[in-house]
Amino acid sequence: NVITYSIMLNFLNVQMPPRREPNHQAPTQATVVAQFHDYHAEKFSGQGDPRIVDERIQGLEFNFEVMDCLDRYRVVCAQLQLTGDARLWLNAYWSMHPGEKAGCTWDMLKELVREKYYPSYYRAEIERQFLALQQGTRTVDEYEREFTRLAAFVPDSVCTEAQRAQRFIDGLYPAVRHNIVGHETQTYARAVSITQEVDASIRREAVRDRAQPSAPVQSFAAPPALPAVQPAKEKKRKGKGAQTDRRTRQRQQP
């Protein structure tokens, strides 16, 4: 048995590759930049709709999370996405504030770009639109898309899942909102799911009602009127009798 066990150990040592320790060395900046370029993130020139700023930032955030990118490399990669006027502006800013460039973090750079290209008065207008958003004539899916788009620009207006869900429900069409009462809607995803189910149910009922034949309507119209009786006209008397009557009336006149 001892000999057999020894032979098995020797066999395993020959067949199994040597164990390698994981490499915990941090990636270099060049490696991270090369990996980042593979995502083909959109550039930002500082032109166009101010809301583009947040769209670009959200796109970068997604890429950085997937890459598990360190903060200092996020700053480097984000600056590479600036072109045209935006790059000229940032270079001029670093020249006037050299101390900030050395210690700049990703959060600091985001705020800096937002202050320049997504001013507070514009953010206030987007927030007003978001808080006043109603479903109106939109479908639930159309309303949900517009809600999500505006909410991305004003994250401070709906800080929690419950607040986000309640704001979504408040803007629904009254008939839909009324049927959601009593359902569990503490999360935004759940609120959207329940709303879609309720809306689909309402639409099915409407289709079923239209398909059912309507009951015949009883007529209460008045009977047709009888033709009016015309008074008989007095026939003129002809001949000698008529002449006699005329002479009699003439004699009676004074």
C-alpha atoms as a PDB file:
ATOM      1  CA  ASN A   1       0.000   0.000   0.000  1.00  0.00           C
ATOM      2  CA  VAL A   2       2.807   2.389   0.847  1.00  0.00           C
ATOM      3  CA  ILE A   3       4.483   1.623  -2.465  1.00  0.00           C
ATOM      4  CA  THR A   4       1.217   2.156  -4.389  1.00  0.00           C
ATOM      5  CA  TYR A   5       0.614   5.487  -2.652  1.00  0.00           C
ATOM      6  CA  SER A   6       4.161   6.601  -3.471  1.00  0.00           C
ATOM      7  CA  ILE A   7       3.694   5.701  -7.131  1.00  0.00           C
ATOM      8  CA  MET A   8       0.436   7.681  -7.290  1.00  0.00           C
ATOM      9  CA  LEU A   9       2.113  10.747  -5.803  1.00  0.00           C
ATOM     10  CA  ASN A  10       4.910  10.572  -8.341  1.00  0.00           C
ATOM     11  CA  PHE A  11       2.317  10.254 -11.149  1.00  0.00           C
ATOM     12  CA  LEU A  12       0.393  13.304  -9.947  1.00  0.00           C
ATOM     13  CA  ASN A  13       3.544  15.370  -9.641  1.00  0.00           C
ATOM     14  CA  VAL A  14       4.417  14.582 -13.226  1.00  0.00           C
ATOM     15  CA  GLN A  15       0.947  15.158 -14.697  1.00  0.00           C
ATOM     16  CA  MET A  16      -0.119  18.332 -12.860  1.00  0.00           C
ATOM     17  CA  PRO A  17       1.402  21.672 -13.963  1.00  0.00           C
ATOM     18  CA  PRO A  18       3.174  23.674 -11.286  1.00  0.00           C
ATOM     19  CA  ARG A  19       0.887  26.009  -9.332  1.00  0.00           C
ATOM     20  CA  ARG A  20       1.341  29.673 -10.166  1.00  0.00           C
ATOM     21  CA  GLU A  21       0.745  32.426  -7.713  1.00  0.00           C
ATOM     22  CA  PRO A  22      -1.726  35.101  -8.900  1.00  0.00           C
ATOM     23  CA  ASN A  23      -0.164  38.299 -10.165  1.00  0.00           C
ATOM     24  CA  HIS A  24      -1.331  41.170  -7.945  1.00  0.00           C
ATOM     25  CA  GLN A  25       0.731  43.784  -9.741  1.00  0.00           C
ATOM     26  CA  ALA A  26      -1.325  46.893 -10.590  1.00  0.00           C
ATOM     27  CA  PRO A  27      -1.818  47.578 -14.308  1.00  0.00           C
ATOM     28  CA  THR A  28       0.210  50.362 -15.843  1.00  0.00           C
ATOM     29  CA  GLN A  29      -1.321  53.555 -17.189  1.00  0.00           C
ATOM     30  CA  ALA A  30      -0.525  52.508 -20.757  1.00  0.00           C
ATOM     31  CA  THR A  31      -2.317  49.184 -20.253  1.00  0.00           C
ATOM     32  CA  VAL A  32      -5.404  50.878 -18.834  1.00  0.00           C
ATOM     33  CA  VAL A  33      -5.522  53.474 -21.619  1.00  0.00           C
ATOM     34  CA  ALA A  34      -5.231  50.758 -24.267  1.00  0.00           C
ATOM     35  CA  GLN A  35      -8.045  48.804 -22.615  1.00  0.00           C
ATOM     36  CA  PHE A  36     -10.161  51.951 -22.363  1.00  0.00           C
ATOM     37  CA  HIS A  37      -9.815  52.682 -26.091  1.00  0.00           C
ATOM     38  CA  ASP A  38     -11.330  49.270 -26.821  1.00  0.00           C
ATOM     39  CA  TYR A  39     -14.670  50.571 -25.479  1.00  0.00           C
ATOM     40  CA  HIS A  40     -14.837  53.324 -28.137  1.00  0.00           C
ATOM     41  CA  ALA A  41     -16.357  55.893 -25.786  1.00  0.00           C
ATOM     42  CA  GLU A  42     -17.790  58.996 -27.448  1.00  0.00           C
ATOM     43  CA  LYS A  43     -15.784  62.207 -27.436  1.00  0.00           C
ATOM     44  CA  PHE A  44     -16.956  65.532 -26.022  1.00  0.00           C
ATOM     45  CA  SER A  45     -16.166  68.858 -27.705  1.00  0.00           C
ATOM     46  CA  GLY A  46     -18.206  71.200 -25.521  1.00  0.00           C
ATOM     47  CA  GLN A  47     -20.714  71.913 -28.305  1.00  0.00           C
ATOM     48  CA  GLY A  48     -24.428  71.160 -28.508  1.00  0.00           C
ATOM     49  CA  ASP A  49     -27.082  70.380 -25.913  1.00  0.00           C
ATOM     50  CA  PRO A  50     -25.790  70.764 -22.329  1.00  0.00           C
ATOM     51  CA  ARG A  51     -27.412  67.442 -21.445  1.00  0.00           C
ATOM     52  CA  ILE A  52     -24.754  65.730 -23.572  1.00  0.00           C
ATOM     53  CA  VAL A  53     -22.318  66.370 -20.717  1.00  0.00           C
ATOM     54  CA  ASP A  54     -24.119  64.031 -18.350  1.00  0.00           C
ATOM     55  CA  GLU A  55     -24.674  61.467 -21.096  1.00  0.00           C
ATOM     56  CA  ARG A  56     -20.930  61.327 -21.734  1.00  0.00           C
ATOM     57  CA  ILE A  57     -20.138  61.156 -18.030  1.00  0.00           C
ATOM     58  CA  GLN A  58     -22.594  58.308 -17.496  1.00  0.00           C
ATOM     59  CA  GLY A  59     -21.043  56.427 -20.399  1.00  0.00           C
ATOM     60  CA  LEU A  60     -17.579  56.841 -18.895  1.00  0.00           C
ATOM     61  CA  GLU A  61     -18.826  55.730 -15.475  1.00  0.00           C
ATOM     62  CA  PHE A  62     -20.164  52.510 -16.974  1.00  0.00           C
ATOM     63  CA  ASN A  63     -16.890  51.757 -18.764  1.00  0.00           C
ATOM     64  CA  PHE A  64     -14.807  52.485 -15.671  1.00  0.00           C
ATOM     65  CA  GLU A  65     -16.932  50.168 -13.538  1.00  0.00           C
ATOM     66  CA  VAL A  66     -16.594  47.346 -16.051  1.00  0.00           C
ATOM     67  CA  MET A  67     -12.831  47.893 -16.220  1.00  0.00           C
ATOM     68  CA  ASP A  68     -12.556  48.150 -12.423  1.00  0.00           C
ATOM     69  CA  CYS A  69     -10.483  51.232 -13.197  1.00  0.00           C
ATOM     70  CA  LEU A  70      -8.488  53.006 -10.494  1.00  0.00           C
ATOM     71  CA  ASP A  71      -9.457  56.616  -9.790  1.00  0.00           C
ATOM     72  CA  ARG A  72      -6.231  58.172 -11.061  1.00  0.00           C
ATOM     73  CA  TYR A  73      -6.588  56.371 -14.386  1.00  0.00           C
ATOM     74  CA  ARG A  74     -10.192  57.500 -14.679  1.00  0.00           C
ATOM     75  CA  VAL A  75      -8.971  61.097 -14.684  1.00  0.00           C
ATOM     76  CA  VAL A  76      -6.432  60.319 -17.417  1.00  0.00           C
ATOM     77  CA  CYS A  77      -8.918  58.453 -19.626  1.00  0.00           C
ATOM     78  CA  ALA A  78     -11.622  61.094 -19.207  1.00  0.00           C
ATOM     79  CA  GLN A  79      -9.269  63.878 -20.288  1.00  0.00           C
ATOM     80  CA  LEU A  80      -8.446  61.931 -23.442  1.00  0.00           C
ATOM     81  CA  GLN A  81     -12.136  62.148 -24.401  1.00  0.00           C
ATOM     82  CA  LEU A  82     -12.121  65.955 -24.526  1.00  0.00           C
ATOM     83  CA  THR A  83     -11.675  67.509 -27.964  1.00  0.00           C
ATOM     84  CA  GLY A  84     -11.904  70.952 -29.554  1.00  0.00           C
ATOM     85  CA  ASP A  85     -13.128  73.752 -27.306  1.00  0.00           C
ATOM     86  CA  ALA A  86     -13.458  71.445 -24.299  1.00  0.00           C
ATOM     87  CA  ARG A  87      -9.801  70.434 -24.436  1.00  0.00           C
ATOM     88  CA  LEU A  88      -8.668  74.043 -24.922  1.00  0.00           C
ATOM     89  CA  TRP A  89     -10.748  75.111 -21.932  1.00  0.00           C
ATOM     90  CA  LEU A  90      -9.358  72.395 -19.635  1.00  0.00           C
ATOM     91  CA  ASN A  91      -5.751  73.066 -20.659  1.00  0.00           C
ATOM     92  CA  ALA A  92      -6.253  76.754 -19.905  1.00  0.00           C
ATOM     93  CA  TYR A  93      -7.830  75.894 -16.548  1.00  0.00           C
ATOM     94  CA  TRP A  94      -4.889  73.673 -15.565  1.00  0.00           C
ATOM     95  CA  SER A  95      -2.502  76.468 -16.512  1.00  0.00           C
ATOM     96  CA  MET A  96      -4.263  78.847 -14.145  1.00  0.00           C
ATOM     97  CA  HIS A  97      -4.719  76.228 -11.379  1.00  0.00           C
ATOM     98  CA  PRO A  98      -1.654  73.958 -11.506  1.00  0.00           C
ATOM     99  CA  GLY A  99      -2.144  72.791  -7.932  1.00  0.00           C
ATOM    100  CA  GLU A 100      -5.578  71.352  -8.702  1.00  0.00           C
ATOM    101  CA  LYS A 101      -4.304  69.282 -11.614  1.00  0.00           C
ATOM    102  CA  ALA A 102      -1.859  67.322  -9.482  1.00  0.00           C
ATOM    103  CA  GLY A 103      -4.475  66.294  -6.922  1.00  0.00           C
ATOM    104  CA  CYS A 104      -7.508  66.054  -9.216  1.00  0.00           C
ATOM    105  CA  THR A 105      -9.810  63.082  -8.623  1.00  0.00           C
ATOM    106  CA  TRP A 106     -12.494  61.694 -10.903  1.00  0.00           C
ATOM    107  CA  ASP A 107     -15.269  63.280  -8.809  1.00  0.00           C
ATOM    108  CA  MET A 108     -13.496  66.652  -8.923  1.00  0.00           C
ATOM    109  CA  LEU A 109     -13.094  66.485 -12.701  1.00  0.00           C
ATOM    110  CA  LYS A 110     -16.761  65.576 -13.181  1.00  0.00           C
ATOM    111  CA  GLU A 111     -17.890  68.539 -11.105  1.00  0.00           C
ATOM    112  CA  LEU A 112     -15.490  70.845 -12.934  1.00  0.00           C
ATOM    113  CA  VAL A 113     -16.825  69.842 -16.352  1.00  0.00           C
ATOM    114  CA  ARG A 114     -20.445  70.048 -15.200  1.00  0.00           C
ATOM    115  CA  GLU A 115     -19.997  73.567 -13.836  1.00  0.00           C
ATOM    116  CA  LYS A 116     -18.588  74.673 -17.191  1.00  0.00           C
ATOM    117  CA  TYR A 117     -20.869  72.904 -19.664  1.00  0.00           C
ATOM    118  CA  TYR A 118     -23.938  71.981 -17.626  1.00  0.00           C
ATOM    119  CA  PRO A 119     -24.698  75.169 -15.643  1.00  0.00           C
ATOM    120  CA  SER A 120     -26.890  75.251 -12.562  1.00  0.00           C
ATOM    121  CA  TYR A 121     -29.718  77.222 -14.188  1.00  0.00           C
ATOM    122  CA  TYR A 122     -30.034  74.565 -16.886  1.00  0.00           C
ATOM    123  CA  ARG A 123     -30.030  71.786 -14.315  1.00  0.00           C
ATOM    124  CA  ALA A 124     -32.799  73.636 -12.460  1.00  0.00           C
ATOM    125  CA  GLU A 125     -34.903  73.688 -15.634  1.00  0.00           C
ATOM    126  CA  ILE A 126     -34.386  69.955 -16.198  1.00  0.00           C
ATOM    127  CA  GLU A 127     -35.359  69.311 -12.579  1.00  0.00           C
ATOM    128  CA  ARG A 128     -38.531  71.362 -13.045  1.00  0.00           C
ATOM    129  CA  GLN A 129     -39.435  69.299 -16.119  1.00  0.00           C
ATOM    130  CA  PHE A 130     -38.786  66.085 -14.217  1.00  0.00           C
ATOM    131  CA  LEU A 131     -40.898  67.022 -11.204  1.00  0.00           C
ATOM    132  CA  ALA A 132     -43.769  68.133 -13.476  1.00  0.00           C
ATOM    133  CA  LEU A 133     -43.590  65.104 -15.780  1.00  0.00           C
ATOM    134  CA  GLN A 134     -46.955  63.402 -16.413  1.00  0.00           C
ATOM    135  CA  GLN A 135     -47.837  60.379 -18.510  1.00  0.00           C
ATOM    136  CA  GLY A 136     -50.513  62.261 -20.424  1.00  0.00           C
ATOM    137  CA  THR A 137     -51.163  60.634 -23.798  1.00  0.00           C
ATOM    138  CA  ARG A 138     -47.963  58.568 -23.688  1.00  0.00           C
ATOM    139  CA  THR A 139     -47.960  54.814 -23.327  1.00  0.00           C
ATOM    140  CA  VAL A 140     -46.472  53.444 -20.117  1.00  0.00           C
ATOM    141  CA  ASP A 141     -43.291  52.469 -21.962  1.00  0.00           C
ATOM    142  CA  GLU A 142     -42.935  55.934 -23.503  1.00  0.00           C
ATOM    143  CA  TYR A 143     -43.525  57.575 -20.122  1.00  0.00           C
ATOM    144  CA  GLU A 144     -40.976  55.278 -18.453  1.00  0.00           C
ATOM    145  CA  ARG A 145     -38.321  56.130 -21.060  1.00  0.00           C
ATOM    146  CA  GLU A 146     -38.832  59.883 -20.621  1.00  0.00           C
ATOM    147  CA  PHE A 147     -38.854  59.494 -16.829  1.00  0.00           C
ATOM    148  CA  THR A 148     -35.562  57.577 -16.904  1.00  0.00           C
ATOM    149  CA  ARG A 149     -33.966  60.095 -19.262  1.00  0.00           C
ATOM    150  CA  LEU A 150     -34.814  63.118 -17.115  1.00  0.00           C
ATOM    151  CA  ALA A 151     -34.045  61.357 -13.819  1.00  0.00           C
ATOM    152  CA  ALA A 152     -30.494  60.693 -15.003  1.00  0.00           C
ATOM    153  CA  PHE A 153     -29.871  64.451 -15.165  1.00  0.00           C
ATOM    154  CA  VAL A 154     -31.276  65.220 -11.697  1.00  0.00           C
ATOM    155  CA  PRO A 155     -30.211  62.323  -9.432  1.00  0.00           C
ATOM    156  CA  ASP A 156     -30.602  64.457  -6.305  1.00  0.00           C
ATOM    157  CA  SER A 157     -34.364  64.735  -6.900  1.00  0.00           C
ATOM    158  CA  VAL A 158     -34.894  61.001  -6.297  1.00  0.00           C
ATOM    159  CA  CYS A 159     -32.205  59.893  -3.865  1.00  0.00           C
ATOM    160  CA  THR A 160     -33.791  56.582  -2.827  1.00  0.00           C
ATOM    161  CA  GLU A 161     -35.578  53.743  -4.593  1.00  0.00           C
ATOM    162  CA  ALA A 162     -38.797  54.539  -2.746  1.00  0.00           C
ATOM    163  CA  GLN A 163     -38.683  58.204  -3.819  1.00  0.00           C
ATOM    164  CA  ARG A 164     -38.004  57.256  -7.410  1.00  0.00           C
ATOM    165  CA  ALA A 165     -40.877  54.754  -7.436  1.00  0.00           C
ATOM    166  CA  GLN A 166     -43.323  57.216  -5.859  1.00  0.00           C
ATOM    167  CA  ARG A 167     -42.427  59.995  -8.288  1.00  0.00           C
ATOM    168  CA  PHE A 168     -43.010  57.589 -11.182  1.00  0.00           C
ATOM    169  CA  ILE A 169     -46.422  56.585  -9.822  1.00  0.00           C
ATOM    170  CA  ASP A 170     -47.461  60.203  -9.165  1.00  0.00           C
ATOM    171  CA  GLY A 171     -47.076  61.035 -12.850  1.00  0.00           C
ATOM    172  CA  LEU A 172     -49.163  58.146 -14.158  1.00  0.00           C
ATOM    173  CA  TYR A 173     -52.501  58.550 -15.891  1.00  0.00           C
ATOM    174  CA  PRO A 174     -55.231  58.621 -13.172  1.00  0.00           C
ATOM    175  CA  ALA A 175     -56.941  55.415 -14.353  1.00  0.00           C
ATOM    176  CA  VAL A 176     -53.632  53.540 -14.232  1.00  0.00           C
ATOM    177  CA  ARG A 177     -52.520  55.088 -10.943  1.00  0.00           C
ATOM    178  CA  HIS A 178     -55.840  54.220  -9.266  1.00  0.00           C
ATOM    179  CA  ASN A 179     -55.411  50.520 -10.093  1.00  0.00           C
ATOM    180  CA  ILE A 180     -51.908  50.404  -8.606  1.00  0.00           C
ATOM    181  CA  VAL A 181     -53.118  51.253  -5.102  1.00  0.00           C
ATOM    182  CA  GLY A 182     -52.531  48.290  -2.801  1.00  0.00           C
ATOM    183  CA  HIS A 183     -49.657  46.786  -4.796  1.00  0.00           C
ATOM    184  CA  GLU A 184     -46.108  46.513  -3.465  1.00  0.00           C
ATOM    185  CA  THR A 185     -44.129  49.275  -5.195  1.00  0.00           C
ATOM    186  CA  GLN A 186     -41.240  50.083  -2.864  1.00  0.00           C
ATOM    187  CA  THR A 187     -38.643  49.791  -5.641  1.00  0.00           C
ATOM    188  CA  TYR A 188     -38.593  51.546  -8.985  1.00  0.00           C
ATOM    189  CA  ALA A 189     -38.272  48.312 -10.955  1.00  0.00           C
ATOM    190  CA  ARG A 190     -41.288  46.867  -9.141  1.00  0.00           C
ATOM    191  CA  ALA A 191     -43.339  50.027  -9.713  1.00  0.00           C
ATOM    192  CA  VAL A 192     -42.629  49.902 -13.452  1.00  0.00           C
ATOM    193  CA  SER A 193     -43.447  46.187 -13.635  1.00  0.00           C
ATOM    194  CA  ILE A 194     -46.777  46.566 -11.795  1.00  0.00           C
ATOM    195  CA  THR A 195     -47.689  49.577 -13.935  1.00  0.00           C
ATOM    196  CA  GLN A 196     -47.081  47.643 -17.142  1.00  0.00           C
ATOM    197  CA  GLU A 197     -49.251  44.772 -15.883  1.00  0.00           C
ATOM    198  CA  VAL A 198     -52.087  47.110 -14.874  1.00  0.00           C
ATOM    199  CA  ASP A 199     -51.905  49.010 -18.158  1.00  0.00           C
ATOM    200  CA  ALA A 200     -52.012  45.759 -20.151  1.00  0.00           C
ATOM    201  CA  SER A 201     -55.052  44.604 -18.151  1.00  0.00           C
ATOM    202  CA  ILE A 202     -56.884  47.890 -18.799  1.00  0.00           C
ATOM    203  CA  ARG A 203     -56.163  47.632 -22.515  1.00  0.00           C
ATOM    204  CA  ARG A 204     -57.440  44.038 -22.661  1.00  0.00           C
ATOM    205  CA  GLU A 205     -60.687  45.057 -20.962  1.00  0.00           C
ATOM    206  CA  ALA A 206     -61.120  47.936 -23.407  1.00  0.00           C
ATOM    207  CA  VAL A 207     -60.656  45.604 -26.384  1.00  0.00           C
ATOM    208  CA  ARG A 208     -63.112  43.091 -24.899  1.00  0.00           C
ATOM    209  CA  ASP A 209     -65.723  45.794 -24.302  1.00  0.00           C
ATOM    210  CA  ARG A 210     -65.444  47.007 -27.881  1.00  0.00           C
ATOM    211  CA  ALA A 211     -65.843  43.462 -29.182  1.00  0.00           C
ATOM    212  CA  GLN A 212     -69.136  42.851 -27.322  1.00  0.00           C
ATOM    213  CA  PRO A 213     -72.300  43.723 -29.365  1.00  0.00           C
ATOM    214  CA  SER A 214     -74.243  46.600 -27.911  1.00  0.00           C
ATOM    215  CA  ALA A 215     -77.882  46.097 -26.799  1.00  0.00           C
ATOM    216  CA  PRO A 216     -80.572  47.344 -29.234  1.00  0.00           C
ATOM    217  CA  VAL A 217     -81.826  50.783 -28.386  1.00  0.00           C
ATOM    218  CA  GLN A 218     -85.609  50.946 -27.812  1.00  0.00           C
ATOM    219  CA  SER A 219     -87.252  53.646 -29.862  1.00  0.00           C
ATOM    220  CA  PHE A 220     -89.598  56.049 -28.127  1.00  0.00           C
ATOM    221  CA  ALA A 221     -90.306  58.197 -31.176  1.00  0.00           C
ATOM    222  CA  ALA A 222     -93.770  59.754 -31.445  1.00  0.00           C
ATOM    223  CA  PRO A 223     -96.185  58.291 -34.063  1.00  0.00           C
ATOM    224  CA  PRO A 224     -96.320  60.146 -37.351  1.00  0.00           C
ATOM    225  CA  ALA A 225     -98.695  63.114 -37.386  1.00  0.00           C
ATOM    226  CA  LEU A 226    -101.962  62.792 -39.302  1.00  0.00           C
ATOM    227  CA  PRO A 227    -102.366  65.033 -42.331  1.00  0.00           C
ATOM    228  CA  ALA A 228    -104.121  68.299 -41.566  1.00  0.00           C
ATOM    229  CA  VAL A 229    -107.756  68.576 -42.715  1.00  0.00           C
ATOM    230  CA  GLN A 230    -108.202  71.470 -45.099  1.00  0.00           C
ATOM    231  CA  PRO A 231    -111.532  73.412 -44.748  1.00  0.00           C
ATOM    232  CA  ALA A 232    -113.837  73.047 -47.736  1.00  0.00           C
ATOM    233  CA  LYS A 233    -114.076  76.127 -49.894  1.00  0.00           C
ATOM    234  CA  GLU A 234    -117.499  77.523 -50.625  1.00  0.00           C
ATOM    235  CA  LYS A 235    -118.381  77.076 -54.265  1.00  0.00           C
ATOM    236  CA  LYS A 236    -119.457  80.164 -56.160  1.00  0.00           C
ATOM    237  CA  ARG A 237    -123.005  80.130 -57.204  1.00  0.00           C
ATOM    238  CA  LYS A 238    -123.484  80.580 -60.899  1.00  0.00           C
ATOM    239  CA  GLY A 239    -126.399  81.488 -63.089  1.00  0.00           C
ATOM    240  CA  LYS A 240    -129.568  83.418 -62.305  1.00  0.00           C
ATOM    241  CA  GLY A 241    -129.466  82.681 -58.599  1.00  0.00           C
ATOM    242  CA  ALA A 242    -126.116  84.429 -58.271  1.00  0.00           C
ATOM    243  CA  GLN A 243    -127.351  87.503 -60.176  1.00  0.00           C
ATOM    244  CA  THR A 244    -130.486  87.735 -57.954  1.00  0.00           C
ATOM    245  CA  ASP A 245    -128.389  87.676 -54.814  1.00  0.00           C
ATOM    246  CA  ARG A 246    -126.179  90.459 -56.181  1.00  0.00           C
ATOM    247  CA  ARG A 247    -129.202  92.722 -57.003  1.00  0.00           C
ATOM    248  CA  THR A 248    -130.654  92.069 -53.545  1.00  0.00           C
ATOM    249  CA  ARG A 249    -127.423  93.189 -51.834  1.00  0.00           C
ATOM    250  CA  GLN A 250    -127.310  96.337 -53.982  1.00  0.00           C
ATOM    251  CA  ARG A 251    -130.876  97.353 -52.968  1.00  0.00           C
ATOM    252  CA  GLN A 252    -130.041  96.849 -49.305  1.00  0.00           C
ATOM    253  CA  GLN A 253    -127.172  99.318 -49.500  1.00  0.00           C
ATOM    254  CA  PRO A 254    -128.157 102.881 -48.389  1.00  0.00           C
END
